[in-house]
Structure formats: C-alpha cells, structure tokens
Amino acid sequence: MTKSSNFFGQPIYGQLIKSLDRAKIVEFSRKHGGERYVKSFDGYTHLLTMLYAVIQRFDSLREIETSMTAEVRKLHHIGIDTVPRRSTLSDANARRS
C-alpha cells in the first residue's frame, strides 16, 4: 500500500504554509515597498504570523505574542526564527497594507 500525497491528517495551518512560496511573497512585498526599513521581519514572516492569528481567532497583538512565545519550539519548523514583539507587529501592520 502506498502513502497518499494528499493533505489528509495535517492541520490547516500546515496545509496553507506548504502552498506558499517564500521567494515570490518577499519579491511581491519588495515590489510594493513593504520591505523598506526591514531587518528581520520580512513579508513572509509577517504573513505567517497574521495567518496564525486569523486561524487562532486572536483579537490583539498581545494574544499573538503570548501564544507564539508559548509555541516557540514549533516556530523554527515553519520558518520563524524569533517571536515578533508587539511593537514589531504593530509597525509591520502599519507599514504593509
């Protein structure tokens, strides 16, 4: 019996991440000025963070930061090296449409 290549049994967040192309997202963000004055919190990481917040139904930046801090060991596997702070999230949300 062969293994299925479908997304059966994987969380929704994992399925979304697999369908994203980091290079294209960062290129698109650069093209529209979203990467200006950015050191480490690029457009792809911002997108992953906001998708996580939407799926978890968070209402505040504090909830996002607290939850991601609790899951810090799992973040490295999806491509997020450090937990974004509230001020970083706030600045990124204001800068990127």
PDB file of N, CA and C in Angstrom:
ATOM      1  N   MET A   1       0.844  -1.175   0.000  1.00  0.00           N
ATOM      2  CA  MET A   1       0.000   0.000   0.000  1.00  0.00           C
ATOM      3  C   MET A   1       0.891   1.241   0.000  1.00  0.00           C
ATOM      4  N   THR A   2       0.623   2.163  -0.889  1.00  0.00           N
ATOM      5  CA  THR A   2       1.426   3.376  -0.991  1.00  0.00           C
ATOM      6  C   THR A   2       0.842   4.479  -0.136  1.00  0.00           C
ATOM      7  N   LYS A   3       1.694   5.392   0.243  1.00  0.00           N
ATOM      8  CA  LYS A   3       1.244   6.542   1.031  1.00  0.00           C
ATOM      9  C   LYS A   3       0.588   7.562   0.126  1.00  0.00           C
ATOM     10  N   SER A   4      -0.446   8.195   0.644  1.00  0.00           N
ATOM     11  CA  SER A   4      -1.137   9.228  -0.114  1.00  0.00           C
ATOM     12  C   SER A   4      -0.370  10.539  -0.011  1.00  0.00           C
ATOM     13  N   SER A   5      -0.380  11.313  -1.069  1.00  0.00           N
ATOM     14  CA  SER A   5       0.299  12.603  -1.055  1.00  0.00           C
ATOM     15  C   SER A   5      -0.673  13.742  -0.758  1.00  0.00           C
ATOM     16  N   ASN A   6      -1.907  13.412  -0.420  1.00  0.00           N
ATOM     17  CA  ASN A   6      -2.889  14.430  -0.074  1.00  0.00           C
ATOM     18  C   ASN A   6      -2.599  15.004   1.297  1.00  0.00           C
ATOM     19  N   PHE A   7      -3.337  16.033   1.674  1.00  0.00           N
ATOM     20  CA  PHE A   7      -3.098  16.714   2.938  1.00  0.00           C
ATOM     21  C   PHE A   7      -3.860  16.076   4.096  1.00  0.00           C
ATOM     22  N   PHE A   8      -4.316  14.880   3.955  1.00  0.00           N
ATOM     23  CA  PHE A   8      -5.123  14.237   4.986  1.00  0.00           C
ATOM     24  C   PHE A   8      -4.352  14.113   6.297  1.00  0.00           C
ATOM     25  N   GLY A   9      -4.945  14.560   7.379  1.00  0.00           N
ATOM     26  CA  GLY A   9      -4.347  14.439   8.698  1.00  0.00           C
ATOM     27  C   GLY A   9      -3.445  15.583   9.098  1.00  0.00           C
ATOM     28  N   GLN A  10      -3.233  16.553   8.221  1.00  0.00           N
ATOM     29  CA  GLN A  10      -2.385  17.692   8.565  1.00  0.00           C
ATOM     30  C   GLN A  10      -3.250  18.864   9.000  1.00  0.00           C
ATOM     31  N   PRO A  11      -2.761  19.655   9.957  1.00  0.00           N
ATOM     32  CA  PRO A  11      -3.512  20.846  10.364  1.00  0.00           C
ATOM     33  C   PRO A  11      -3.666  21.832   9.209  1.00  0.00           C
ATOM     34  N   ILE A  12      -4.691  22.651   9.288  1.00  0.00           N
ATOM     35  CA  ILE A  12      -4.974  23.634   8.238  1.00  0.00           C
ATOM     36  C   ILE A  12      -3.792  24.582   8.063  1.00  0.00           C
ATOM     37  N   TYR A  13      -3.194  25.005   9.169  1.00  0.00           N
ATOM     38  CA  TYR A  13      -2.064  25.940   9.089  1.00  0.00           C
ATOM     39  C   TYR A  13      -0.914  25.336   8.291  1.00  0.00           C
ATOM     40  N   GLY A  14      -0.623  24.067   8.509  1.00  0.00           N
ATOM     41  CA  GLY A  14       0.441  23.396   7.766  1.00  0.00           C
ATOM     42  C   GLY A  14       0.131  23.286   6.290  1.00  0.00           C
ATOM     43  N   GLN A  15      -1.134  23.052   5.960  1.00  0.00           N
ATOM     44  CA  GLN A  15      -1.537  22.976   4.564  1.00  0.00           C
ATOM     45  C   GLN A  15      -1.367  24.322   3.865  1.00  0.00           C
ATOM     46  N   LEU A  16      -1.729  25.420   4.561  1.00  0.00           N
ATOM     47  CA  LEU A  16      -1.569  26.755   3.991  1.00  0.00           C
ATOM     48  C   LEU A  16      -0.099  27.088   3.744  1.00  0.00           C
ATOM     49  N   ILE A  17       0.737  26.773   4.696  1.00  0.00           N
ATOM     50  CA  ILE A  17       2.162  27.098   4.587  1.00  0.00           C
ATOM     51  C   ILE A  17       2.808  26.347   3.422  1.00  0.00           C
ATOM     52  N   LYS A  18       2.420  25.097   3.222  1.00  0.00           N
ATOM     53  CA  LYS A  18       3.004  24.317   2.131  1.00  0.00           C
ATOM     54  C   LYS A  18       2.670  24.898   0.764  1.00  0.00           C
ATOM     55  N   SER A  19       1.548  25.598   0.674  1.00  0.00           N
ATOM     56  CA  SER A  19       1.153  26.146  -0.620  1.00  0.00           C
ATOM     57  C   SER A  19       1.762  27.519  -0.907  1.00  0.00           C
ATOM     58  N   LEU A  20       2.492  28.095   0.049  1.00  0.00           N
ATOM     59  CA  LEU A  20       3.079  29.425  -0.124  1.00  0.00           C
ATOM     60  C   LEU A  20       4.516  29.330  -0.649  1.00  0.00           C
ATOM     61  N   ASP A  21       4.893  30.281  -1.480  1.00  0.00           N
ATOM     62  CA  ASP A  21       6.259  30.362  -1.990  1.00  0.00           C
ATOM     63  C   ASP A  21       6.922  31.604  -1.386  1.00  0.00           C
ATOM     64  N   ARG A  22       7.891  31.377  -0.513  1.00  0.00           N
ATOM     65  CA  ARG A  22       8.538  32.471   0.215  1.00  0.00           C
ATOM     66  C   ARG A  22       9.167  33.504  -0.719  1.00  0.00           C
ATOM     67  N   ALA A  23       9.865  33.042  -1.743  1.00  0.00           N
ATOM     68  CA  ALA A  23      10.563  33.960  -2.640  1.00  0.00           C
ATOM     69  C   ALA A  23       9.597  34.889  -3.369  1.00  0.00           C
ATOM     70  N   LYS A  24       8.487  34.351  -3.823  1.00  0.00           N
ATOM     71  CA  LYS A  24       7.513  35.173  -4.535  1.00  0.00           C
ATOM     72  C   LYS A  24       6.841  36.182  -3.611  1.00  0.00           C
ATOM     73  N   ILE A  25       6.572  35.779  -2.384  1.00  0.00           N
ATOM     74  CA  ILE A  25       5.918  36.685  -1.435  1.00  0.00           C
ATOM     75  C   ILE A  25       6.847  37.837  -1.073  1.00  0.00           C
ATOM     76  N   VAL A  26       8.116  37.542  -0.821  1.00  0.00           N
ATOM     77  CA  VAL A  26       9.081  38.598  -0.486  1.00  0.00           C
ATOM     78  C   VAL A  26       9.315  39.500  -1.699  1.00  0.00           C
ATOM     79  N   GLU A  27       9.376  38.920  -2.883  1.00  0.00           N
ATOM     80  CA  GLU A  27       9.544  39.718  -4.102  1.00  0.00           C
ATOM     81  C   GLU A  27       8.355  40.670  -4.296  1.00  0.00           C
ATOM     82  N   PHE A  28       7.158  40.166  -4.101  1.00  0.00           N
ATOM     83  CA  PHE A  28       5.955  40.985  -4.233  1.00  0.00           C
ATOM     84  C   PHE A  28       5.948  42.108  -3.197  1.00  0.00           C
ATOM     85  N   SER A  29       6.377  41.781  -1.972  1.00  0.00           N
ATOM     86  CA  SER A  29       6.444  42.783  -0.908  1.00  0.00           C
ATOM     87  C   SER A  29       7.482  43.861  -1.230  1.00  0.00           C
ATOM     88  N   ARG A  30       8.635  43.458  -1.764  1.00  0.00           N
ATOM     89  CA  ARG A  30       9.664  44.418  -2.167  1.00  0.00           C
ATOM     90  C   ARG A  30       9.173  45.336  -3.269  1.00  0.00           C
ATOM     91  N   LYS A  31       8.472  44.745  -4.216  1.00  0.00           N
ATOM     92  CA  LYS A  31       7.960  45.498  -5.362  1.00  0.00           C
ATOM     93  C   LYS A  31       7.015  46.613  -4.921  1.00  0.00           C
ATOM     94  N   HIS A  32       6.271  46.377  -3.868  1.00  0.00           N
ATOM     95  CA  HIS A  32       5.296  47.356  -3.391  1.00  0.00           C
ATOM     96  C   HIS A  32       5.774  48.144  -2.171  1.00  0.00           C
ATOM     97  N   GLY A  33       7.050  48.055  -1.831  1.00  0.00           N
ATOM     98  CA  GLY A  33       7.636  48.872  -0.774  1.00  0.00           C
ATOM     99  C   GLY A  33       7.451  48.345   0.631  1.00  0.00           C
ATOM    100  N   GLY A  34       7.048  47.099   0.784  1.00  0.00           N
ATOM    101  CA  GLY A  34       6.828  46.538   2.119  1.00  0.00           C
ATOM    102  C   GLY A  34       8.089  46.106   2.831  1.00  0.00           C
ATOM    103  N   GLU A  35       9.187  46.000   2.110  1.00  0.00           N
ATOM    104  CA  GLU A  35      10.447  45.554   2.711  1.00  0.00           C
ATOM    105  C   GLU A  35      11.379  46.715   3.045  1.00  0.00           C
ATOM    106  N   ARG A  36      10.914  47.925   2.882  1.00  0.00           N
ATOM    107  CA  ARG A  36      11.730  49.095   3.182  1.00  0.00           C
ATOM    108  C   ARG A  36      11.905  49.229   4.691  1.00  0.00           C
ATOM    109  N   TYR A  37      13.121  49.448   5.139  1.00  0.00           N
ATOM    110  CA  TYR A  37      13.481  49.615   6.544  1.00  0.00           C
ATOM    111  C   TYR A  37      13.240  48.346   7.366  1.00  0.00           C
ATOM    112  N   VAL A  38      13.322  47.184   6.741  1.00  0.00           N
ATOM    113  CA  VAL A  38      13.079  45.926   7.430  1.00  0.00           C
ATOM    114  C   VAL A  38      14.406  45.209   7.631  1.00  0.00           C
ATOM    115  N   LYS A  39      14.648  44.736   8.865  1.00  0.00           N
ATOM    116  CA  LYS A  39      15.873  43.997   9.147  1.00  0.00           C
ATOM    117  C   LYS A  39      15.618  42.485   9.156  1.00  0.00           C
ATOM    118  N   SER A  40      14.659  42.024   9.950  1.00  0.00           N
ATOM    119  CA  SER A  40      14.468  40.580  10.047  1.00  0.00           C
ATOM    120  C   SER A  40      13.020  40.130   9.878  1.00  0.00           C
ATOM    121  N   PHE A  41      12.060  40.994  10.062  1.00  0.00           N
ATOM    122  CA  PHE A  41      10.648  40.623   9.993  1.00  0.00           C
ATOM    123  C   PHE A  41      10.129  40.908   8.586  1.00  0.00           C
ATOM    124  N   ASP A  42      10.453  39.988   7.659  1.00  0.00           N
ATOM    125  CA  ASP A  42      10.092  40.206   6.255  1.00  0.00           C
ATOM    126  C   ASP A  42       8.608  39.926   6.009  1.00  0.00           C
ATOM    127  N   GLY A  43       8.194  40.120   4.782  1.00  0.00           N
ATOM    128  CA  GLY A  43       6.789  39.969   4.420  1.00  0.00           C
ATOM    129  C   GLY A  43       6.272  38.557   4.604  1.00  0.00           C
ATOM    130  N   TYR A  44       7.107  37.562   4.346  1.00  0.00           N
ATOM    131  CA  TYR A  44       6.699  36.170   4.508  1.00  0.00           C
ATOM    132  C   TYR A  44       6.438  35.840   5.977  1.00  0.00           C
ATOM    133  N   THR A  45       7.342  36.250   6.847  1.00  0.00           N
ATOM    134  CA  THR A  45       7.165  36.004   8.274  1.00  0.00           C
ATOM    135  C   THR A  45       5.938  36.748   8.794  1.00  0.00           C
ATOM    136  N   HIS A  46       5.717  37.945   8.296  1.00  0.00           N
ATOM    137  CA  HIS A  46       4.534  38.722   8.672  1.00  0.00           C
ATOM    138  C   HIS A  46       3.267  37.985   8.237  1.00  0.00           C
ATOM    139  N   LEU A  47       3.280  37.459   7.016  1.00  0.00           N
ATOM    140  CA  LEU A  47       2.134  36.714   6.519  1.00  0.00           C
ATOM    141  C   LEU A  47       1.874  35.472   7.370  1.00  0.00           C
ATOM    142  N   LEU A  48       2.918  34.719   7.709  1.00  0.00           N
ATOM    143  CA  LEU A  48       2.754  33.536   8.551  1.00  0.00           C
ATOM    144  C   LEU A  48       2.168  33.900   9.913  1.00  0.00           C
ATOM    145  N   THR A  49       2.641  34.995  10.473  1.00  0.00           N
ATOM    146  CA  THR A  49       2.149  35.438  11.775  1.00  0.00           C
ATOM    147  C   THR A  49       0.683  35.834  11.705  1.00  0.00           C
ATOM    148  N   MET A  50       0.302  36.562  10.677  1.00  0.00           N
ATOM    149  CA  MET A  50      -1.090  37.000  10.547  1.00  0.00           C
ATOM    150  C   MET A  50      -2.025  35.831  10.220  1.00  0.00           C
ATOM    151  N   LEU A  51      -1.561  34.858   9.424  1.00  0.00           N
ATOM    152  CA  LEU A  51      -2.370  33.667   9.176  1.00  0.00           C
ATOM    153  C   LEU A  51      -2.604  32.895  10.469  1.00  0.00           C
ATOM    154  N   TYR A  52      -1.569  32.776  11.272  1.00  0.00           N
ATOM    155  CA  TYR A  52      -1.681  32.106  12.568  1.00  0.00           C
ATOM    156  C   TYR A  52      -2.701  32.827  13.455  1.00  0.00           C
ATOM    157  N   ALA A  53      -2.655  34.149  13.458  1.00  0.00           N
ATOM    158  CA  ALA A  53      -3.575  34.930  14.287  1.00  0.00           C
ATOM    159  C   ALA A  53      -5.017  34.776  13.813  1.00  0.00           C
ATOM    160  N   VAL A  54      -5.225  34.739  12.512  1.00  0.00           N
ATOM    161  CA  VAL A  54      -6.586  34.586  11.977  1.00  0.00           C
ATOM    162  C   VAL A  54      -7.137  33.202  12.290  1.00  0.00           C
ATOM    163  N   ILE A  55      -6.320  32.177  12.088  1.00  0.00           N
ATOM    164  CA  ILE A  55      -6.787  30.813  12.343  1.00  0.00           C
ATOM    165  C   ILE A  55      -7.092  30.616  13.827  1.00  0.00           C
ATOM    166  N   GLN A  56      -6.278  31.206  14.698  1.00  0.00           N
ATOM    167  CA  GLN A  56      -6.497  31.082  16.135  1.00  0.00           C
ATOM    168  C   GLN A  56      -7.554  32.050  16.663  1.00  0.00           C
ATOM    169  N   ARG A  57      -8.020  32.950  15.807  1.00  0.00           N
ATOM    170  CA  ARG A  57      -9.046  33.947  16.148  1.00  0.00           C
ATOM    171  C   ARG A  57      -8.609  34.877  17.276  1.00  0.00           C
ATOM    172  N   PHE A  58      -7.385  35.372  17.147  1.00  0.00           N
ATOM    173  CA  PHE A  58      -6.874  36.328  18.124  1.00  0.00           C
ATOM    174  C   PHE A  58      -7.369  37.722  17.799  1.00  0.00           C
ATOM    175  N   ASP A  59      -7.570  38.530  18.853  1.00  0.00           N
ATOM    176  CA  ASP A  59      -8.073  39.887  18.684  1.00  0.00           C
ATOM    177  C   ASP A  59      -7.022  40.958  18.954  1.00  0.00           C
ATOM    178  N   SER A  60      -5.922  40.595  19.588  1.00  0.00           N
ATOM    179  CA  SER A  60      -4.944  41.618  19.955  1.00  0.00           C
ATOM    180  C   SER A  60      -3.531  41.139  19.680  1.00  0.00           C
ATOM    181  N   LEU A  61      -2.637  42.100  19.581  1.00  0.00           N
ATOM    182  CA  LEU A  61      -1.223  41.789  19.371  1.00  0.00           C
ATOM    183  C   LEU A  61      -0.642  41.071  20.584  1.00  0.00           C
ATOM    184  N   ARG A  62      -1.148  41.380  21.755  1.00  0.00           N
ATOM    185  CA  ARG A  62      -0.690  40.719  22.985  1.00  0.00           C
ATOM    186  C   ARG A  62      -0.991  39.220  22.935  1.00  0.00           C
ATOM    187  N   GLU A  63      -2.174  38.854  22.453  1.00  0.00           N
ATOM    188  CA  GLU A  63      -2.528  37.444  22.335  1.00  0.00           C
ATOM    189  C   GLU A  63      -1.627  36.725  21.343  1.00  0.00           C
ATOM    190  N   ILE A  64      -1.329  37.385  20.238  1.00  0.00           N
ATOM    191  CA  ILE A  64      -0.459  36.790  19.221  1.00  0.00           C
ATOM    192  C   ILE A  64       0.927  36.533  19.801  1.00  0.00           C
ATOM    193  N   GLU A  65       1.484  37.545  20.449  1.00  0.00           N
ATOM    194  CA  GLU A  65       2.832  37.409  21.010  1.00  0.00           C
ATOM    195  C   GLU A  65       2.874  36.340  22.092  1.00  0.00           C
ATOM    196  N   THR A  66       1.889  36.317  22.981  1.00  0.00           N
ATOM    197  CA  THR A  66       1.871  35.352  24.077  1.00  0.00           C
ATOM    198  C   THR A  66       1.752  33.922  23.562  1.00  0.00           C
ATOM    199  N   SER A  67       0.870  33.725  22.594  1.00  0.00           N
ATOM    200  CA  SER A  67       0.673  32.387  22.045  1.00  0.00           C
ATOM    201  C   SER A  67       1.911  31.907  21.294  1.00  0.00           C
ATOM    202  N   MET A  68       2.531  32.794  20.526  1.00  0.00           N
ATOM    203  CA  MET A  68       3.722  32.399  19.784  1.00  0.00           C
ATOM    204  C   MET A  68       4.902  32.154  20.719  1.00  0.00           C
ATOM    205  N   THR A  69       4.960  32.867  21.821  1.00  0.00           N
ATOM    206  CA  THR A  69       6.014  32.625  22.806  1.00  0.00           C
ATOM    207  C   THR A  69       5.844  31.243  23.430  1.00  0.00           C
ATOM    208  N   ALA A  70       4.599  30.849  23.664  1.00  0.00           N
ATOM    209  CA  ALA A  70       4.341  29.521  24.226  1.00  0.00           C
ATOM    210  C   ALA A  70       4.693  28.409  23.239  1.00  0.00           C
ATOM    211  N   GLU A  71       4.595  28.688  21.955  1.00  0.00           N
ATOM    212  CA  GLU A  71       4.874  27.704  20.905  1.00  0.00           C
ATOM    213  C   GLU A  71       6.232  27.924  20.250  1.00  0.00           C
ATOM    214  N   VAL A  72       7.164  28.530  20.952  1.00  0.00           N
ATOM    215  CA  VAL A  72       8.430  28.966  20.365  1.00  0.00           C
ATOM    216  C   VAL A  72       9.225  27.817  19.742  1.00  0.00           C
ATOM    217  N   ARG A  73       9.149  26.616  20.288  1.00  0.00           N
ATOM    218  CA  ARG A  73       9.920  25.497  19.727  1.00  0.00           C
ATOM    219  C   ARG A  73       9.370  25.032  18.382  1.00  0.00           C
ATOM    220  N   LYS A  74       8.087  25.251  18.136  1.00  0.00           N
ATOM    221  CA  LYS A  74       7.477  24.823  16.882  1.00  0.00           C
ATOM    222  C   LYS A  74       7.652  25.854  15.770  1.00  0.00           C
ATOM    223  N   LEU A  75       7.980  27.079  16.120  1.00  0.00           N
ATOM    224  CA  LEU A  75       8.076  28.146  15.136  1.00  0.00           C
ATOM    225  C   LEU A  75       9.250  27.957  14.180  1.00  0.00           C
ATOM    226  N   HIS A  76      10.326  27.393  14.665  1.00  0.00           N
ATOM    227  CA  HIS A  76      11.507  27.209  13.825  1.00  0.00           C
ATOM    228  C   HIS A  76      11.203  26.289  12.643  1.00  0.00           C
ATOM    229  N   HIS A  77      10.322  25.330  12.836  1.00  0.00           N
ATOM    230  CA  HIS A  77       9.997  24.378  11.775  1.00  0.00           C
ATOM    231  C   HIS A  77       9.203  25.012  10.640  1.00  0.00           C
ATOM    232  N   ILE A  78       8.517  26.110  10.911  1.00  0.00           N
ATOM    233  CA  ILE A  78       7.735  26.763   9.859  1.00  0.00           C
ATOM    234  C   ILE A  78       8.462  27.962   9.263  1.00  0.00           C
ATOM    235  N   GLY A  79       9.651  28.276   9.773  1.00  0.00           N
ATOM    236  CA  GLY A  79      10.450  29.333   9.169  1.00  0.00           C
ATOM    237  C   GLY A  79      10.497  30.637   9.954  1.00  0.00           C
ATOM    238  N   ILE A  80       9.979  30.644  11.167  1.00  0.00           N
ATOM    239  CA  ILE A  80      10.039  31.841  12.008  1.00  0.00           C
ATOM    240  C   ILE A  80      11.124  31.611  13.059  1.00  0.00           C
ATOM    241  N   ASP A  81      12.182  32.419  13.007  1.00  0.00           N
ATOM    242  CA  ASP A  81      13.317  32.211  13.906  1.00  0.00           C
ATOM    243  C   ASP A  81      13.103  32.817  15.285  1.00  0.00           C
ATOM    244  N   THR A  82      12.477  33.971  15.351  1.00  0.00           N
ATOM    245  CA  THR A  82      12.232  34.628  16.632  1.00  0.00           C
ATOM    246  C   THR A  82      10.767  35.046  16.727  1.00  0.00           C
ATOM    247  N   VAL A  83      10.284  35.152  17.945  1.00  0.00           N
ATOM    248  CA  VAL A  83       8.906  35.593  18.172  1.00  0.00           C
ATOM    249  C   VAL A  83       8.841  37.103  17.960  1.00  0.00           C
ATOM    250  N   PRO A  84       7.965  37.560  17.064  1.00  0.00           N
ATOM    251  CA  PRO A  84       7.857  39.008  16.857  1.00  0.00           C
ATOM    252  C   PRO A  84       7.206  39.683  18.056  1.00  0.00           C
ATOM    253  N   ARG A  85       7.758  40.786  18.469  1.00  0.00           N
ATOM    254  CA  ARG A  85       7.212  41.548  19.596  1.00  0.00           C
ATOM    255  C   ARG A  85       6.017  42.375  19.134  1.00  0.00           C
ATOM    256  N   ARG A  86       5.274  42.857  20.106  1.00  0.00           N
ATOM    257  CA  ARG A  86       4.068  43.648  19.786  1.00  0.00           C
ATOM    258  C   ARG A  86       4.410  44.884  18.968  1.00  0.00           C
ATOM    259  N   SER A  87       5.477  45.568  19.321  1.00  0.00           N
ATOM    260  CA  SER A  87       5.836  46.785  18.592  1.00  0.00           C
ATOM    261  C   SER A  87       6.222  46.467  17.152  1.00  0.00           C
ATOM    262  N   THR A  88       6.912  45.348  16.943  1.00  0.00           N
ATOM    263  CA  THR A  88       7.282  44.938  15.586  1.00  0.00           C
ATOM    264  C   THR A  88       6.044  44.611  14.768  1.00  0.00           C
ATOM    265  N   LEU A  89       5.102  43.890  15.365  1.00  0.00           N
ATOM    266  CA  LEU A  89       3.853  43.572  14.671  1.00  0.00           C
ATOM    267  C   LEU A  89       3.063  44.833  14.354  1.00  0.00           C
ATOM    268  N   SER A  90       3.026  45.752  15.304  1.00  0.00           N
ATOM    269  CA  SER A  90       2.297  46.997  15.096  1.00  0.00           C
ATOM    270  C   SER A  90       2.903  47.807  13.955  1.00  0.00           C
ATOM    271  N   ASP A  91       4.221  47.930  13.953  1.00  0.00           N
ATOM    272  CA  ASP A  91       4.906  48.669  12.884  1.00  0.00           C
ATOM    273  C   ASP A  91       4.688  48.002  11.525  1.00  0.00           C
ATOM    274  N   ALA A  92       4.781  46.673  11.490  1.00  0.00           N
ATOM    275  CA  ALA A  92       4.607  45.951  10.236  1.00  0.00           C
ATOM    276  C   ALA A  92       3.169  46.089   9.720  1.00  0.00           C
ATOM    277  N   ASN A  93       2.199  46.034  10.608  1.00  0.00           N
ATOM    278  CA  ASN A  93       0.803  46.188  10.196  1.00  0.00           C
ATOM    279  C   ASN A  93       0.547  47.600   9.666  1.00  0.00           C
ATOM    280  N   ALA A  94       1.201  48.585  10.228  1.00  0.00           N
ATOM    281  CA  ALA A  94       1.024  49.966   9.768  1.00  0.00           C
ATOM    282  C   ALA A  94       1.731  50.189   8.428  1.00  0.00           C
ATOM    283  N   ARG A  95       2.880  49.540   8.233  1.00  0.00           N
ATOM    284  CA  ARG A  95       3.689  49.745   7.039  1.00  0.00           C
ATOM    285  C   ARG A  95       3.169  48.977   5.833  1.00  0.00           C
ATOM    286  N   ARG A  96       2.688  47.764   6.057  1.00  0.00           N
ATOM    287  CA  ARG A  96       2.245  46.913   4.940  1.00  0.00           C
ATOM    288  C   ARG A  96       0.722  46.899   4.860  1.00  0.00           C
ATOM    289  N   SER A  97       0.214  47.137   3.670  1.00  0.00           N
ATOM    290  CA  SER A  97      -1.250  47.111   3.511  1.00  0.00           C
ATOM    291  C   SER A  97      -1.748  45.699   3.307  1.00  0.00           C
TER     292      SER A  97
END
